[in-house]
Every structure is written in C-alpha cells, then in structure tokens.
Amino acid sequence: MDLPTLSLAYGGKWFDEKWEPQFNGKEGVAALNKYVELLQNYAPPGAANYGWVEIQNGLLDGHIAMVIDVEFMGLLSEDPKISKVVGKMGHTYIPMMQVNLDFLILRQTLLPCGPGP
C-alpha cells in the first residue's frame, strides 16, 4: 500500500494547482493515521521499508495476504508461471471516502478469497 493512494482515497491532495503542498490537510492527516495503523497492526515486520519488488514477491509467494497497489498486481497473481496464489485472490477497487479527480490512477485491492465452487 502506498500513502499517495490512501491519501487520495480519503479525499486528500499532495499539491494544489499552484504546486503548494497540501498533504498536511485533514484528509492527508487522516490517511497518514490510517497508514500508520495498518502498518503497525497488520503488516509484516519491516513492511514500512518494503519496496515494490518485496511486496510483489511476498504476494506471489503467498507470504502477504493483502495488497493495495496498482491494477497489474492482480494479473500477476493469476499467472501460474510466477504465482503460488493462482485462483486464491479476489480483486476490487479501493473504497473512496470521497471522489478526488485531481489525480486519477487505477488502483486496486487484492484480497484472499475462499475456494471456488
């Protein structure tokens, strides 16, 4: 999960139209507090220092149960050549607290799901 995505989900902005920093507004602070809570209470030890490769490898190896990241991570999780979690992940979009179209990028949440029919 990355803080910019979470901040956007909370309706925050990183910069205004004049490129003045906006991440310390109430939405940005709420997103940061949620980010810290998730890392402290639910992430693997050291996850705050994970880069994209560590997150991808952890998910595909089955060591990370949930990822909030870009849409192609879901595609990778379904590739039997590289993934141990084929057919075991669900995919959805990140819930938005409010819509902010200043910066639009497709993000999704990957969730473990039960066995199929």
N, C-alpha and C. Protein backbone atom coordinates (compact mmCIF):
# COMPACT_ATOMS: atom_id res chain seq x y z
N MET A 1 0.84 -1.17 0.00
CA MET A 1 0.00 0.00 0.00
C MET A 1 0.88 1.23 0.00
N ASP A 2 0.48 2.19 -0.73
CA ASP A 2 1.26 3.42 -0.71
C ASP A 2 0.42 4.57 -0.18
N LEU A 3 1.09 5.48 0.50
CA LEU A 3 0.41 6.61 1.12
C LEU A 3 -0.28 7.53 0.11
N PRO A 4 0.30 7.81 -1.05
CA PRO A 4 -0.43 8.67 -2.00
C PRO A 4 -1.80 8.10 -2.38
N THR A 5 -1.89 6.80 -2.60
CA THR A 5 -3.17 6.19 -2.95
C THR A 5 -4.16 6.31 -1.80
N LEU A 6 -3.70 6.01 -0.60
CA LEU A 6 -4.57 6.11 0.57
C LEU A 6 -5.02 7.55 0.79
N SER A 7 -4.12 8.48 0.59
CA SER A 7 -4.46 9.89 0.73
C SER A 7 -5.56 10.29 -0.25
N LEU A 8 -5.46 9.85 -1.49
CA LEU A 8 -6.48 10.15 -2.48
C LEU A 8 -7.81 9.51 -2.10
N ALA A 9 -7.76 8.29 -1.55
CA ALA A 9 -8.98 7.62 -1.12
C ALA A 9 -9.69 8.39 -0.01
N TYR A 10 -8.93 9.12 0.78
CA TYR A 10 -9.50 9.94 1.85
C TYR A 10 -9.87 11.34 1.36
N GLY A 11 -9.69 11.61 0.09
CA GLY A 11 -10.05 12.90 -0.48
C GLY A 11 -8.93 13.93 -0.41
N GLY A 12 -7.74 13.50 -0.05
CA GLY A 12 -6.62 14.42 0.08
C GLY A 12 -5.94 14.73 -1.24
N LYS A 13 -5.07 15.70 -1.19
CA LYS A 13 -4.25 16.08 -2.34
C LYS A 13 -2.80 16.17 -1.85
N TRP A 14 -1.89 15.96 -2.75
CA TRP A 14 -0.48 16.18 -2.43
C TRP A 14 -0.10 17.63 -2.69
N PHE A 15 -0.64 18.20 -3.77
CA PHE A 15 -0.35 19.58 -4.14
C PHE A 15 -1.61 20.23 -4.69
N ASP A 16 -1.69 21.56 -4.56
CA ASP A 16 -2.79 22.27 -5.20
C ASP A 16 -2.37 22.68 -6.61
N GLU A 17 -3.21 23.47 -7.27
CA GLU A 17 -2.93 23.85 -8.65
C GLU A 17 -1.70 24.74 -8.79
N LYS A 18 -1.22 25.33 -7.70
CA LYS A 18 0.00 26.13 -7.72
C LYS A 18 1.20 25.35 -7.19
N TRP A 19 1.04 24.06 -7.03
CA TRP A 19 2.08 23.16 -6.53
C TRP A 19 2.50 23.47 -5.09
N GLU A 20 1.54 24.00 -4.33
CA GLU A 20 1.77 24.20 -2.90
C GLU A 20 1.41 22.90 -2.19
N PRO A 21 2.24 22.40 -1.28
CA PRO A 21 1.94 21.15 -0.58
C PRO A 21 0.60 21.19 0.15
N GLN A 22 -0.15 20.13 0.01
CA GLN A 22 -1.47 20.03 0.64
C GLN A 22 -1.61 18.78 1.50
N PHE A 23 -0.56 18.00 1.64
CA PHE A 23 -0.69 16.71 2.32
C PHE A 23 -0.88 16.81 3.82
N ASN A 24 -0.77 18.01 4.41
CA ASN A 24 -0.98 18.13 5.84
C ASN A 24 -2.39 18.64 6.18
N GLY A 25 -3.29 18.59 5.21
CA GLY A 25 -4.70 18.92 5.46
C GLY A 25 -5.36 17.81 6.25
N LYS A 26 -6.61 17.99 6.65
CA LYS A 26 -7.28 17.00 7.49
C LYS A 26 -7.39 15.64 6.79
N GLU A 27 -7.60 15.63 5.47
CA GLU A 27 -7.70 14.36 4.74
C GLU A 27 -6.35 13.64 4.71
N GLY A 28 -5.29 14.40 4.47
CA GLY A 28 -3.95 13.81 4.44
C GLY A 28 -3.54 13.26 5.80
N VAL A 29 -3.87 13.98 6.86
CA VAL A 29 -3.54 13.53 8.21
C VAL A 29 -4.34 12.27 8.55
N ALA A 30 -5.62 12.23 8.17
CA ALA A 30 -6.44 11.04 8.41
C ALA A 30 -5.87 9.84 7.66
N ALA A 31 -5.45 10.05 6.42
CA ALA A 31 -4.86 8.97 5.63
C ALA A 31 -3.55 8.49 6.26
N LEU A 32 -2.72 9.42 6.71
CA LEU A 32 -1.46 9.05 7.35
C LEU A 32 -1.71 8.25 8.63
N ASN A 33 -2.68 8.67 9.42
CA ASN A 33 -3.01 7.93 10.64
C ASN A 33 -3.47 6.51 10.33
N LYS A 34 -4.29 6.35 9.29
CA LYS A 34 -4.74 5.01 8.88
C LYS A 34 -3.57 4.18 8.37
N TYR A 35 -2.69 4.80 7.61
CA TYR A 35 -1.50 4.13 7.07
C TYR A 35 -0.63 3.59 8.21
N VAL A 36 -0.38 4.42 9.21
CA VAL A 36 0.42 4.01 10.36
C VAL A 36 -0.28 2.87 11.11
N GLU A 37 -1.59 3.01 11.30
CA GLU A 37 -2.35 1.96 11.99
C GLU A 37 -2.23 0.62 11.25
N LEU A 38 -2.41 0.65 9.94
CA LEU A 38 -2.33 -0.58 9.15
C LEU A 38 -0.93 -1.20 9.22
N LEU A 39 0.10 -0.36 9.11
CA LEU A 39 1.46 -0.88 9.17
C LEU A 39 1.79 -1.46 10.54
N GLN A 40 1.40 -0.75 11.59
CA GLN A 40 1.73 -1.20 12.95
C GLN A 40 0.96 -2.44 13.37
N ASN A 41 -0.29 -2.55 12.94
CA ASN A 41 -1.15 -3.62 13.45
C ASN A 41 -1.34 -4.82 12.52
N TYR A 42 -1.09 -4.64 11.22
CA TYR A 42 -1.45 -5.71 10.30
C TYR A 42 -0.36 -6.10 9.31
N ALA A 43 0.66 -5.31 9.15
CA ALA A 43 1.69 -5.59 8.15
C ALA A 43 2.79 -6.48 8.74
N PRO A 44 3.51 -7.19 7.89
CA PRO A 44 4.63 -7.99 8.39
C PRO A 44 5.73 -7.09 8.96
N PRO A 45 6.55 -7.61 9.85
CA PRO A 45 7.66 -6.81 10.39
C PRO A 45 8.52 -6.27 9.25
N GLY A 46 8.87 -5.00 9.34
CA GLY A 46 9.72 -4.38 8.33
C GLY A 46 8.98 -3.89 7.10
N ALA A 47 7.67 -4.05 7.05
CA ALA A 47 6.91 -3.70 5.84
C ALA A 47 7.01 -2.23 5.48
N ALA A 48 7.25 -1.37 6.45
CA ALA A 48 7.38 0.06 6.16
C ALA A 48 8.56 0.32 5.23
N ASN A 49 9.50 -0.60 5.17
CA ASN A 49 10.67 -0.44 4.31
C ASN A 49 10.57 -1.25 3.03
N TYR A 50 9.47 -1.94 2.80
CA TYR A 50 9.31 -2.73 1.59
C TYR A 50 9.22 -1.83 0.38
N GLY A 51 9.85 -2.24 -0.68
CA GLY A 51 9.68 -1.63 -1.99
C GLY A 51 8.71 -2.46 -2.80
N TRP A 52 8.49 -2.05 -4.03
CA TRP A 52 7.54 -2.74 -4.88
C TRP A 52 7.93 -4.21 -5.08
N VAL A 53 9.19 -4.51 -5.26
CA VAL A 53 9.64 -5.88 -5.50
C VAL A 53 9.34 -6.77 -4.30
N GLU A 54 9.60 -6.28 -3.09
CA GLU A 54 9.32 -7.08 -1.89
C GLU A 54 7.82 -7.34 -1.74
N ILE A 55 7.03 -6.34 -2.05
CA ILE A 55 5.57 -6.51 -1.97
C ILE A 55 5.10 -7.52 -3.01
N GLN A 56 5.55 -7.37 -4.24
CA GLN A 56 5.16 -8.29 -5.30
C GLN A 56 5.57 -9.71 -4.97
N ASN A 57 6.81 -9.91 -4.59
CA ASN A 57 7.30 -11.25 -4.29
C ASN A 57 6.56 -11.87 -3.10
N GLY A 58 6.30 -11.06 -2.07
CA GLY A 58 5.57 -11.56 -0.91
C GLY A 58 4.16 -12.01 -1.26
N LEU A 59 3.49 -11.24 -2.12
CA LEU A 59 2.15 -11.62 -2.54
C LEU A 59 2.19 -12.89 -3.39
N LEU A 60 3.05 -12.92 -4.38
CA LEU A 60 3.09 -14.05 -5.31
C LEU A 60 3.56 -15.34 -4.63
N ASP A 61 4.35 -15.23 -3.57
CA ASP A 61 4.81 -16.40 -2.81
C ASP A 61 3.81 -16.83 -1.75
N GLY A 62 2.77 -16.01 -1.51
CA GLY A 62 1.77 -16.34 -0.51
C GLY A 62 2.11 -15.90 0.90
N HIS A 63 3.12 -15.04 1.07
CA HIS A 63 3.51 -14.57 2.40
C HIS A 63 2.82 -13.28 2.80
N ILE A 64 2.23 -12.59 1.84
CA ILE A 64 1.48 -11.36 2.11
C ILE A 64 0.05 -11.63 1.68
N ALA A 65 -0.89 -11.38 2.59
CA ALA A 65 -2.28 -11.74 2.35
C ALA A 65 -3.08 -10.68 1.61
N MET A 66 -2.68 -9.42 1.70
CA MET A 66 -3.46 -8.36 1.07
C MET A 66 -2.53 -7.26 0.59
N VAL A 67 -2.82 -6.74 -0.60
CA VAL A 67 -2.02 -5.68 -1.18
C VAL A 67 -2.94 -4.61 -1.73
N ILE A 68 -2.62 -3.36 -1.45
CA ILE A 68 -3.32 -2.24 -2.09
C ILE A 68 -2.28 -1.60 -3.00
N ASP A 69 -2.45 -1.81 -4.30
CA ASP A 69 -1.44 -1.35 -5.24
C ASP A 69 -2.05 -1.22 -6.62
N VAL A 70 -1.20 -1.13 -7.62
CA VAL A 70 -1.65 -0.92 -9.00
C VAL A 70 -2.35 -2.15 -9.55
N GLU A 71 -3.14 -1.93 -10.59
CA GLU A 71 -4.02 -2.96 -11.11
C GLU A 71 -3.31 -4.20 -11.65
N PHE A 72 -2.10 -4.07 -12.16
CA PHE A 72 -1.47 -5.24 -12.77
C PHE A 72 -0.99 -6.25 -11.74
N MET A 73 -0.95 -5.90 -10.47
CA MET A 73 -0.57 -6.86 -9.43
C MET A 73 -1.58 -8.02 -9.42
N GLY A 74 -2.85 -7.71 -9.69
CA GLY A 74 -3.87 -8.75 -9.77
C GLY A 74 -3.62 -9.70 -10.92
N LEU A 75 -3.19 -9.15 -12.04
CA LEU A 75 -2.87 -10.00 -13.19
C LEU A 75 -1.71 -10.93 -12.89
N LEU A 76 -0.69 -10.40 -12.22
CA LEU A 76 0.47 -11.22 -11.86
C LEU A 76 0.08 -12.36 -10.92
N SER A 77 -0.85 -12.08 -10.00
CA SER A 77 -1.25 -13.11 -9.03
C SER A 77 -1.95 -14.28 -9.70
N GLU A 78 -2.43 -14.12 -10.91
CA GLU A 78 -3.12 -15.19 -11.63
C GLU A 78 -2.24 -15.89 -12.66
N ASP A 79 -0.97 -15.58 -12.70
CA ASP A 79 -0.05 -16.20 -13.66
C ASP A 79 0.62 -17.41 -13.02
N PRO A 80 0.27 -18.63 -13.42
CA PRO A 80 0.82 -19.83 -12.77
C PRO A 80 2.33 -19.99 -12.94
N LYS A 81 2.93 -19.28 -13.88
CA LYS A 81 4.38 -19.38 -14.06
C LYS A 81 5.14 -18.68 -12.94
N ILE A 82 4.51 -17.69 -12.30
CA ILE A 82 5.23 -16.91 -11.28
C ILE A 82 4.51 -16.82 -9.94
N SER A 83 3.27 -17.30 -9.86
CA SER A 83 2.46 -17.10 -8.66
C SER A 83 2.06 -18.41 -7.99
N LYS A 84 2.13 -18.43 -6.67
CA LYS A 84 1.66 -19.57 -5.87
C LYS A 84 0.23 -19.34 -5.37
N VAL A 85 -0.37 -18.22 -5.72
CA VAL A 85 -1.70 -17.89 -5.22
C VAL A 85 -2.75 -17.82 -6.33
N VAL A 86 -2.49 -18.51 -7.44
CA VAL A 86 -3.42 -18.51 -8.56
C VAL A 86 -4.79 -19.01 -8.09
N GLY A 87 -5.83 -18.25 -8.41
CA GLY A 87 -7.18 -18.65 -8.06
C GLY A 87 -7.55 -18.41 -6.60
N LYS A 88 -6.64 -17.84 -5.83
CA LYS A 88 -6.88 -17.64 -4.40
C LYS A 88 -7.04 -16.18 -4.01
N MET A 89 -7.02 -15.28 -4.98
CA MET A 89 -7.09 -13.85 -4.67
C MET A 89 -8.33 -13.24 -5.32
N GLY A 90 -8.93 -12.31 -4.61
CA GLY A 90 -10.01 -11.52 -5.17
C GLY A 90 -9.47 -10.13 -5.48
N HIS A 91 -10.13 -9.41 -6.33
CA HIS A 91 -9.65 -8.10 -6.76
C HIS A 91 -10.80 -7.10 -6.68
N THR A 92 -10.52 -5.92 -6.19
CA THR A 92 -11.53 -4.86 -6.15
C THR A 92 -10.84 -3.51 -6.16
N TYR A 93 -11.60 -2.47 -6.33
CA TYR A 93 -11.04 -1.12 -6.28
C TYR A 93 -11.02 -0.62 -4.84
N ILE A 94 -10.14 0.30 -4.55
CA ILE A 94 -10.03 0.88 -3.23
C ILE A 94 -11.26 1.72 -2.95
N PRO A 95 -11.92 1.50 -1.81
CA PRO A 95 -13.07 2.34 -1.47
C PRO A 95 -12.61 3.80 -1.32
N MET A 96 -13.40 4.70 -1.81
CA MET A 96 -13.07 6.13 -1.72
C MET A 96 -13.93 6.76 -0.65
N MET A 97 -13.29 7.55 0.21
CA MET A 97 -14.03 8.31 1.20
C MET A 97 -14.81 9.43 0.50
N GLN A 98 -14.18 10.02 -0.49
CA GLN A 98 -14.82 11.00 -1.35
C GLN A 98 -14.05 11.01 -2.67
N VAL A 99 -14.68 11.42 -3.72
CA VAL A 99 -14.04 11.37 -5.04
C VAL A 99 -13.13 12.59 -5.21
N ASN A 100 -11.92 12.34 -5.65
CA ASN A 100 -10.96 13.39 -5.95
C ASN A 100 -10.37 13.07 -7.32
N LEU A 101 -10.77 13.80 -8.33
CA LEU A 101 -10.32 13.52 -9.69
C LEU A 101 -9.13 14.37 -10.11
N ASP A 102 -8.48 15.06 -9.15
CA ASP A 102 -7.31 15.86 -9.49
C ASP A 102 -6.18 14.97 -10.01
N PHE A 103 -6.10 13.78 -9.51
CA PHE A 103 -5.05 12.84 -9.91
C PHE A 103 -5.69 11.47 -9.96
N LEU A 104 -5.86 10.93 -11.14
CA LEU A 104 -6.57 9.67 -11.28
C LEU A 104 -5.60 8.60 -11.75
N ILE A 105 -5.52 7.55 -11.00
CA ILE A 105 -4.74 6.38 -11.40
C ILE A 105 -5.50 5.16 -10.92
N LEU A 106 -5.50 4.14 -11.71
CA LEU A 106 -6.25 2.94 -11.37
C LEU A 106 -5.50 2.17 -10.30
N ARG A 107 -6.11 1.96 -9.18
CA ARG A 107 -5.54 1.19 -8.08
C ARG A 107 -6.54 0.13 -7.67
N GLN A 108 -6.06 -0.94 -7.07
CA GLN A 108 -6.97 -1.97 -6.62
C GLN A 108 -6.46 -2.61 -5.34
N THR A 109 -7.37 -3.31 -4.70
CA THR A 109 -7.05 -4.06 -3.50
C THR A 109 -7.13 -5.53 -3.86
N LEU A 110 -6.15 -6.32 -3.44
CA LEU A 110 -6.16 -7.75 -3.64
C LEU A 110 -6.45 -8.42 -2.31
N LEU A 111 -7.44 -9.27 -2.28
CA LEU A 111 -7.85 -9.90 -1.03
C LEU A 111 -7.85 -11.41 -1.20
N PRO A 112 -7.45 -12.16 -0.16
CA PRO A 112 -7.55 -13.61 -0.25
C PRO A 112 -9.02 -14.01 -0.27
N CYS A 113 -9.33 -15.03 -1.01
CA CYS A 113 -10.72 -15.50 -1.05
C CYS A 113 -10.73 -17.01 -0.88
N GLY A 114 -11.90 -17.52 -0.54
CA GLY A 114 -12.05 -18.94 -0.28
C GLY A 114 -11.99 -19.77 -1.56
N PRO A 115 -12.08 -21.08 -1.39
CA PRO A 115 -12.03 -21.97 -2.57
C PRO A 115 -13.21 -21.72 -3.48
N GLY A 116 -12.98 -21.94 -4.74
CA GLY A 116 -14.03 -21.77 -5.73
C GLY A 116 -15.06 -22.90 -5.67
N PRO A 117 -16.10 -22.80 -6.49
CA PRO A 117 -17.17 -23.82 -6.48
C PRO A 117 -16.67 -25.16 -6.93
